[in-house]
Amino acid sequence: MTFIRNAWYVAAWDQEVDRSPLARTICGTPMMFYRRLDRRVVAMRDACPHRLLPLSMGIREGDSIRCLYHGLKLGPNGMAEEMPLKDDRVVPGLCAETYVVAEKHRFVWVWVGEKERADEALIPDLWPCSAEGWVFDGGYSHVKCDYRLMIDNLMDLTHETHVHSGSIGQPELMEAPITTHVEGDRVIVTRWMAGIDAPPFWRGALKQEGPVDRWQICQFIPPSNVIIDVGVAPVAAGATIEKHDQGVRGFVIDSMTPESEGSMHYFWGMARSFDIDDVGFTGRFKRQQGGVFAEDVVVLEAQQRSMLANPDLKLRAFNIDQGGVRARQIIDRIVRAQMEEQA
């Protein structure tokens, strides 16, 4: 197993879950999500306990769901409420498994491990998504690769120079030194680029020409989240790696939820503290960001196919890969600890 079980994972954007069931496999388990009349989210195993037809194909009746195959009706707690023949007595204990859910930072989160250990205080702190003075939006992509490849990608932004040359990439990314350090279960990679020309996107966001200081501070947060503090400021503003609110600043938000060992749900977005009332800019930037991440998807899916086609070869790590290497070490350590607890 390559993913952490006792943890919160993003299951969906808040806007994705409505009255109609949403089917999504999380960490190898088929689940379905829908909203009750009071708008609370229900998360249930996507398999009818009768003949295992996906419940996401079912018919909603109030807060309950009726299987499309033979009509077994289950309540939002997963317990059977009516048998296929209404005169039959409900079988005691007949139910579909349910999961603990929470809503925070515009996301629906699901706890995939032991229910009694679920604690909303453990939801990853994606604070820019909810902070006053910031605006946040983004999108979703289904990606056919190991979720750890996306973590590797996000913790090493050197790839921007080549993969994203038309938007956020520039040669200076290959020249600026990077530092990597670990704080508990978090990995932080820092890059500071002083006195450079801003790439196309950041030049447009800053709305002015001239040399800038640019920063990228990538942070891995278990089980599979990366937030990246990014932005530029005019050189004359005096920004530093410790304090850099003088120009335009944002946080790239990335949550990689494993679907299987070779596929993932990718929830991406940007929280920013500039032009927060410009709804049109938010929409345009979301479209631009989606195009950037689509370039990553092409590369990572090709990488996954190549890994499967070359099982005798292994990934190699250079200095630029230290962020991803450290993140994988933390994932492996937590997975091993949880497996030892269950042994």
Protein backbone atom coordinates (compact mmCIF):
# COMPACT_ATOMS: atom_id res chain seq x y z
CA MET A 1 0.00 0.00 0.00
CA THR A 2 1.37 3.42 -0.95
CA PHE A 3 -1.16 5.74 0.70
CA ILE A 4 -1.96 6.71 4.27
CA ARG A 5 -5.25 5.30 5.57
CA ASN A 6 -6.03 7.25 8.73
CA ALA A 7 -6.17 10.69 7.13
CA TRP A 8 -8.45 13.25 5.52
CA TYR A 9 -8.54 13.32 1.72
CA VAL A 10 -10.32 15.74 -0.57
CA ALA A 11 -13.24 13.89 -2.12
CA ALA A 12 -14.75 16.76 -4.11
CA TRP A 13 -15.14 20.49 -4.46
CA ASP A 14 -18.10 21.72 -2.40
CA GLN A 15 -19.94 22.62 -5.62
CA GLU A 16 -19.56 19.11 -7.04
CA VAL A 17 -21.69 17.42 -4.39
CA ASP A 18 -25.42 18.01 -4.77
CA ARG A 19 -28.63 16.00 -4.45
CA SER A 20 -27.68 13.54 -7.20
CA PRO A 21 -25.06 10.97 -6.13
CA LEU A 22 -21.45 11.57 -7.13
CA ALA A 23 -19.38 8.40 -7.59
CA ARG A 24 -15.67 8.61 -6.78
CA THR A 25 -13.15 5.92 -5.81
CA ILE A 26 -10.94 7.06 -2.93
CA CYS A 27 -7.84 5.08 -1.92
CA GLY A 28 -9.16 2.02 -3.74
CA THR A 29 -12.65 2.17 -2.19
CA PRO A 30 -15.70 3.03 -4.35
CA MET A 31 -17.71 5.73 -2.59
CA MET A 32 -20.66 7.92 -3.42
CA PHE A 33 -21.51 11.36 -2.08
CA TYR A 34 -24.73 13.35 -1.99
CA ARG A 35 -26.39 16.09 0.04
CA ARG A 36 -29.31 15.65 2.38
CA LEU A 37 -32.15 18.17 2.38
CA ASP A 38 -30.32 20.09 5.12
CA ARG A 39 -27.28 20.17 2.78
CA ARG A 40 -25.11 17.96 4.97
CA VAL A 41 -22.97 15.57 2.91
CA VAL A 42 -23.48 11.79 3.02
CA ALA A 43 -20.58 9.49 2.09
CA MET A 44 -21.42 5.82 1.55
CA ARG A 45 -19.82 2.71 0.04
CA ASP A 46 -20.88 2.67 -3.59
CA ALA A 47 -22.22 -0.87 -3.55
CA CYS A 48 -25.71 -2.04 -2.66
CA PRO A 49 -25.44 -4.63 0.15
CA HIS A 50 -27.91 -6.83 -1.79
CA ARG A 51 -26.36 -7.49 -5.23
CA LEU A 52 -23.56 -4.90 -5.22
CA LEU A 53 -24.91 -2.63 -7.96
CA PRO A 54 -23.36 0.85 -7.49
CA LEU A 55 -25.69 2.85 -5.28
CA SER A 56 -24.67 5.96 -7.22
CA MET A 57 -26.98 4.65 -9.96
CA GLY A 58 -29.86 4.66 -7.49
CA ILE A 59 -33.00 6.75 -7.05
CA ARG A 60 -33.04 9.48 -4.42
CA GLU A 61 -36.07 9.53 -2.13
CA GLY A 62 -35.85 12.31 0.43
CA ASP A 63 -32.58 11.80 2.27
CA SER A 64 -32.52 8.09 1.38
CA ILE A 65 -31.48 6.18 -1.72
CA ARG A 66 -33.18 3.26 -3.42
CA CYS A 67 -31.08 0.77 -5.37
CA LEU A 68 -31.90 0.84 -9.09
CA TYR A 69 -31.69 -2.96 -9.38
CA HIS A 70 -34.25 -4.44 -6.95
CA GLY A 71 -35.31 -1.41 -4.94
CA LEU A 72 -33.60 -1.93 -1.57
CA LYS A 73 -33.92 1.41 0.23
CA LEU A 74 -31.13 2.72 2.46
CA GLY A 75 -31.16 5.73 4.76
CA PRO A 76 -28.37 8.33 4.90
CA ASN A 77 -26.84 6.32 7.75
CA GLY A 78 -26.49 3.38 5.35
CA MET A 79 -29.08 1.27 7.20
CA ALA A 80 -31.77 -0.58 5.24
CA GLU A 81 -35.20 1.07 5.52
CA GLU A 82 -37.24 -1.04 3.06
CA MET A 83 -36.66 -4.44 1.49
CA PRO A 84 -37.29 -5.03 -2.24
CA LEU A 85 -40.66 -6.56 -1.25
CA LYS A 86 -42.21 -3.95 1.02
CA ASP A 87 -43.99 -6.60 3.09
CA ASP A 88 -40.69 -8.30 3.97
CA ARG A 89 -39.23 -7.50 7.36
CA VAL A 90 -36.05 -5.42 7.15
CA VAL A 91 -33.05 -7.64 7.78
CA PRO A 92 -31.33 -6.49 11.00
CA GLY A 93 -27.85 -5.11 10.39
CA LEU A 94 -28.29 -4.85 6.61
CA CYS A 95 -26.42 -1.72 5.64
CA ALA A 96 -23.85 -0.05 3.42
CA GLU A 97 -20.70 1.30 5.04
CA THR A 98 -20.65 5.07 5.61
CA TYR A 99 -17.71 7.42 6.06
CA VAL A 100 -16.95 10.49 8.14
CA VAL A 101 -17.04 13.68 6.09
CA ALA A 102 -16.35 17.36 6.69
CA GLU A 103 -16.45 20.57 4.68
CA LYS A 104 -13.63 23.08 4.91
CA HIS A 105 -11.63 25.33 2.58
CA ARG A 106 -14.22 24.85 -0.23
CA PHE A 107 -13.63 21.10 -0.22
CA VAL A 108 -15.55 18.03 0.91
CA TRP A 109 -13.13 15.86 2.92
CA VAL A 110 -13.52 12.17 3.69
CA TRP A 111 -11.75 10.15 6.39
CA VAL A 112 -10.82 6.81 4.86
CA GLY A 113 -9.54 5.04 7.97
CA GLU A 114 -10.92 4.08 11.38
CA LYS A 115 -13.96 6.25 12.12
CA GLU A 116 -13.18 6.67 15.80
CA ARG A 117 -9.90 8.38 14.91
CA ALA A 118 -11.46 11.01 12.65
CA ASP A 119 -10.81 14.50 14.03
CA GLU A 120 -11.62 17.64 12.04
CA ALA A 121 -8.64 19.34 13.69
CA LEU A 122 -6.45 17.06 11.53
CA ILE A 123 -7.78 18.48 8.25
CA PRO A 124 -4.74 19.96 6.44
CA ASP A 125 -4.34 23.66 7.12
CA LEU A 126 -4.98 25.25 3.74
CA TRP A 127 -5.55 28.60 5.41
CA PRO A 128 -5.35 30.88 2.33
CA CYS A 129 -8.49 29.17 0.98
CA SER A 130 -10.59 30.54 3.85
CA ALA A 131 -8.74 33.62 5.11
CA GLU A 132 -10.27 37.08 5.02
CA GLY A 133 -8.75 39.21 2.27
CA TRP A 134 -8.12 36.23 0.01
CA VAL A 135 -10.14 34.70 -2.84
CA PHE A 136 -9.92 31.04 -3.86
CA ASP A 137 -11.12 29.02 -6.84
CA GLY A 138 -9.88 26.14 -8.95
CA GLY A 139 -10.75 22.91 -10.71
CA TYR A 140 -10.47 19.13 -10.88
CA SER A 141 -8.59 16.69 -13.10
CA HIS A 142 -8.58 12.91 -13.21
CA VAL A 143 -4.98 11.83 -13.76
CA LYS A 144 -3.73 8.37 -14.70
CA CYS A 145 -0.59 8.30 -12.58
CA ASP A 146 0.62 7.45 -9.08
CA TYR A 147 -0.31 10.41 -6.86
CA ARG A 148 3.27 10.59 -5.61
CA LEU A 149 4.47 11.58 -9.08
CA MET A 150 2.35 14.72 -8.82
CA ILE A 151 3.85 15.45 -5.39
CA ASP A 152 7.32 15.04 -6.92
CA ASN A 153 6.31 17.43 -9.69
CA LEU A 154 5.01 20.12 -7.36
CA MET A 155 7.93 19.93 -4.94
CA ASP A 156 10.40 20.49 -7.82
CA LEU A 157 9.35 23.55 -9.81
CA THR A 158 12.50 23.45 -11.91
CA HIS A 159 10.37 21.68 -14.51
CA GLU A 160 8.49 24.95 -15.15
CA THR A 161 11.36 26.18 -17.33
CA HIS A 162 10.62 23.56 -19.97
CA VAL A 163 7.09 22.27 -19.38
CA HIS A 164 5.50 25.70 -18.82
CA SER A 165 7.77 27.94 -20.90
CA GLY A 166 4.87 29.97 -22.28
CA SER A 167 3.31 30.99 -18.97
CA ILE A 168 5.21 30.73 -15.68
CA GLY A 169 8.52 29.16 -16.70
CA GLN A 170 11.79 31.01 -17.17
CA PRO A 171 15.51 30.11 -17.36
CA GLU A 172 16.22 31.75 -14.00
CA LEU A 173 14.46 28.80 -12.32
CA MET A 174 17.42 26.66 -13.37
CA GLU A 175 19.92 29.13 -11.93
CA ALA A 176 18.49 30.11 -8.55
CA PRO A 177 19.63 28.02 -5.57
CA ILE A 178 17.03 26.01 -3.65
CA THR A 179 16.92 24.92 -0.04
CA THR A 180 15.00 21.97 1.40
CA HIS A 181 14.22 21.29 5.03
CA VAL A 182 11.80 19.21 7.10
CA GLU A 183 9.62 20.45 9.96
CA GLY A 184 7.91 17.49 11.62
CA ASP A 185 5.82 15.83 8.92
CA ARG A 186 6.14 18.77 6.54
CA VAL A 187 8.70 19.39 3.81
CA ILE A 188 9.53 22.93 2.67
CA VAL A 189 11.42 23.84 -0.51
CA THR A 190 12.40 27.48 -1.02
CA ARG A 191 13.63 29.33 -4.11
CA TRP A 192 14.32 33.09 -4.26
CA MET A 193 15.04 34.81 -7.59
CA ALA A 194 16.25 38.39 -7.19
CA GLY A 195 16.23 41.13 -9.84
CA ILE A 196 14.80 39.17 -12.75
CA ASP A 197 12.23 39.84 -15.47
CA ALA A 198 8.79 38.55 -14.53
CA PRO A 199 7.34 35.73 -16.67
CA PRO A 200 4.17 36.52 -18.70
CA PHE A 201 1.58 35.64 -16.07
CA TRP A 202 3.22 37.49 -13.20
CA ARG A 203 3.95 40.54 -15.35
CA GLY A 204 0.24 40.77 -16.12
CA ALA A 205 -0.71 40.31 -12.47
CA LEU A 206 1.72 43.02 -11.31
CA LYS A 207 0.51 45.38 -14.08
CA GLN A 208 3.92 46.95 -14.60
CA GLU A 209 7.27 46.40 -16.24
CA GLY A 210 10.68 46.31 -14.61
CA PRO A 211 12.83 43.88 -12.63
CA VAL A 212 11.20 41.91 -9.84
CA ASP A 213 12.05 39.62 -7.00
CA ARG A 214 10.27 36.28 -7.40
CA TRP A 215 9.73 33.53 -4.84
CA GLN A 216 8.47 29.96 -4.67
CA ILE A 217 7.99 28.27 -1.29
CA CYS A 218 6.62 24.74 -1.69
CA GLN A 219 5.22 22.95 1.35
CA PHE A 220 4.16 19.29 1.49
CA ILE A 221 1.43 18.53 4.03
CA PRO A 222 0.44 14.89 4.63
CA PRO A 223 -1.26 12.84 3.47
CA SER A 224 -1.02 14.31 -0.06
CA ASN A 225 -1.28 18.09 -0.19
CA VAL A 226 1.10 20.72 -1.51
CA ILE A 227 0.66 24.47 -1.11
CA ILE A 228 3.04 26.82 -2.88
CA ASP A 229 3.58 30.43 -1.81
CA VAL A 230 4.32 32.28 -5.06
CA GLY A 231 4.54 35.81 -6.35
CA VAL A 232 6.63 38.74 -7.48
CA ALA A 233 7.39 42.20 -6.13
CA PRO A 234 9.21 45.14 -7.73
CA VAL A 235 12.85 45.12 -6.69
CA ALA A 236 12.44 48.56 -5.14
CA ALA A 237 9.71 47.24 -2.79
CA GLY A 238 12.29 45.44 -0.68
CA ALA A 239 10.55 42.08 -0.40
CA THR A 240 12.38 39.26 1.37
CA ILE A 241 11.89 35.51 1.62
CA GLU A 242 10.53 36.08 5.14
CA LYS A 243 8.19 38.98 4.24
CA HIS A 244 6.83 39.38 0.72
CA ASP A 245 3.39 40.99 0.61
CA GLN A 246 4.65 44.07 -1.24
CA GLY A 247 3.80 42.90 -4.76
CA VAL A 248 1.34 40.24 -5.91
CA ARG A 249 1.17 37.05 -3.87
CA GLY A 250 -0.78 33.83 -4.14
CA PHE A 251 -0.85 30.24 -2.95
CA VAL A 252 -1.12 27.43 -5.46
CA ILE A 253 -3.32 24.81 -3.76
CA ASP A 254 -2.92 21.15 -4.72
CA SER A 255 -4.60 18.12 -3.20
CA MET A 256 -3.78 14.74 -4.71
CA THR A 257 -6.27 12.06 -3.66
CA PRO A 258 -5.28 8.50 -4.66
CA GLU A 259 -7.91 6.66 -6.65
CA SER A 260 -5.78 3.54 -7.15
CA GLU A 261 -2.09 2.72 -7.19
CA GLY A 262 -1.90 4.20 -10.68
CA SER A 263 -4.53 6.94 -10.81
CA MET A 264 -5.56 9.97 -8.78
CA HIS A 265 -8.03 12.79 -8.31
CA TYR A 266 -6.28 16.12 -8.66
CA PHE A 267 -7.87 19.17 -7.02
CA TRP A 268 -6.06 22.36 -7.93
CA GLY A 269 -6.55 26.07 -7.51
CA MET A 270 -5.11 29.42 -6.54
CA ALA A 271 -5.77 31.55 -3.48
CA ARG A 272 -4.65 35.15 -3.98
CA SER A 273 -4.63 38.39 -2.03
CA PHE A 274 -4.68 40.78 -5.02
CA ASP A 275 -7.60 41.84 -7.24
CA ILE A 276 -9.88 39.79 -4.99
CA ASP A 277 -13.05 41.57 -6.18
CA ASP A 278 -12.34 41.03 -9.87
CA VAL A 279 -14.57 38.03 -10.64
CA GLY A 280 -13.63 38.11 -14.31
CA PHE A 281 -9.94 37.86 -13.49
CA THR A 282 -10.69 34.92 -11.19
CA GLY A 283 -12.42 33.11 -14.05
CA ARG A 284 -9.69 33.93 -16.56
CA PHE A 285 -6.94 32.89 -14.21
CA LYS A 286 -8.71 29.62 -13.41
CA ARG A 287 -8.79 28.88 -17.14
CA GLN A 288 -5.10 29.78 -17.52
CA GLN A 289 -4.13 27.70 -14.49
CA GLY A 290 -6.10 24.76 -15.85
CA GLY A 291 -4.06 25.00 -19.05
CA VAL A 292 -0.80 24.98 -17.08
CA PHE A 293 -1.82 21.91 -15.09
CA ALA A 294 -2.99 20.16 -18.24
CA GLU A 295 0.64 20.38 -19.42
CA ASP A 296 1.69 18.61 -16.21
CA VAL A 297 -0.89 15.88 -16.75
CA VAL A 298 0.49 15.08 -20.21
CA VAL A 299 4.00 14.71 -18.79
CA LEU A 300 3.03 12.71 -15.68
CA GLU A 301 0.78 10.25 -17.51
CA ALA A 302 3.57 9.65 -20.01
CA GLN A 303 5.99 9.16 -17.11
CA GLN A 304 3.63 6.60 -15.53
CA ARG A 305 3.36 4.69 -18.82
CA SER A 306 7.14 4.72 -19.19
CA MET A 307 7.62 3.38 -15.65
CA LEU A 308 5.27 0.48 -16.43
CA ALA A 309 7.06 -0.18 -19.72
CA ASN A 310 10.48 -0.14 -18.04
CA PRO A 311 10.04 -2.14 -14.81
CA ASP A 312 13.80 -2.84 -14.66
CA LEU A 313 14.60 0.87 -14.34
CA LYS A 314 14.19 3.08 -11.26
CA LEU A 315 13.68 6.79 -10.70
CA ARG A 316 16.87 8.67 -9.87
CA ALA A 317 17.06 11.66 -7.55
CA PHE A 318 19.22 14.77 -8.05
CA ASN A 319 19.50 17.82 -5.81
CA ILE A 320 16.36 19.34 -7.36
CA ASP A 321 14.37 16.25 -6.33
CA GLN A 322 14.99 16.51 -2.59
CA GLY A 323 11.55 17.93 -1.81
CA GLY A 324 9.77 15.00 -3.42
CA VAL A 325 12.21 12.49 -1.92
CA ARG A 326 11.63 13.83 1.60
CA ALA A 327 7.85 13.86 1.07
CA ARG A 328 7.94 10.21 -0.02
CA GLN A 329 10.00 9.33 3.04
CA ILE A 330 7.37 10.88 5.29
CA ILE A 331 4.54 9.06 3.49
CA ASP A 332 6.42 5.75 3.77
CA ARG A 333 7.10 6.28 7.46
CA ILE A 334 3.45 7.03 8.28
CA VAL A 335 2.22 4.08 6.18
CA ARG A 336 4.65 1.72 7.92
CA ALA A 337 3.58 2.96 11.35
CA GLN A 338 -0.10 2.42 10.55
CA MET A 339 0.55 -1.06 9.19
CA GLU A 340 2.49 -1.96 12.34
CA GLU A 341 -0.45 -0.80 14.47
CA GLN A 342 -2.75 -3.15 12.56
CA ALA A 343 -0.37 -6.12 12.71
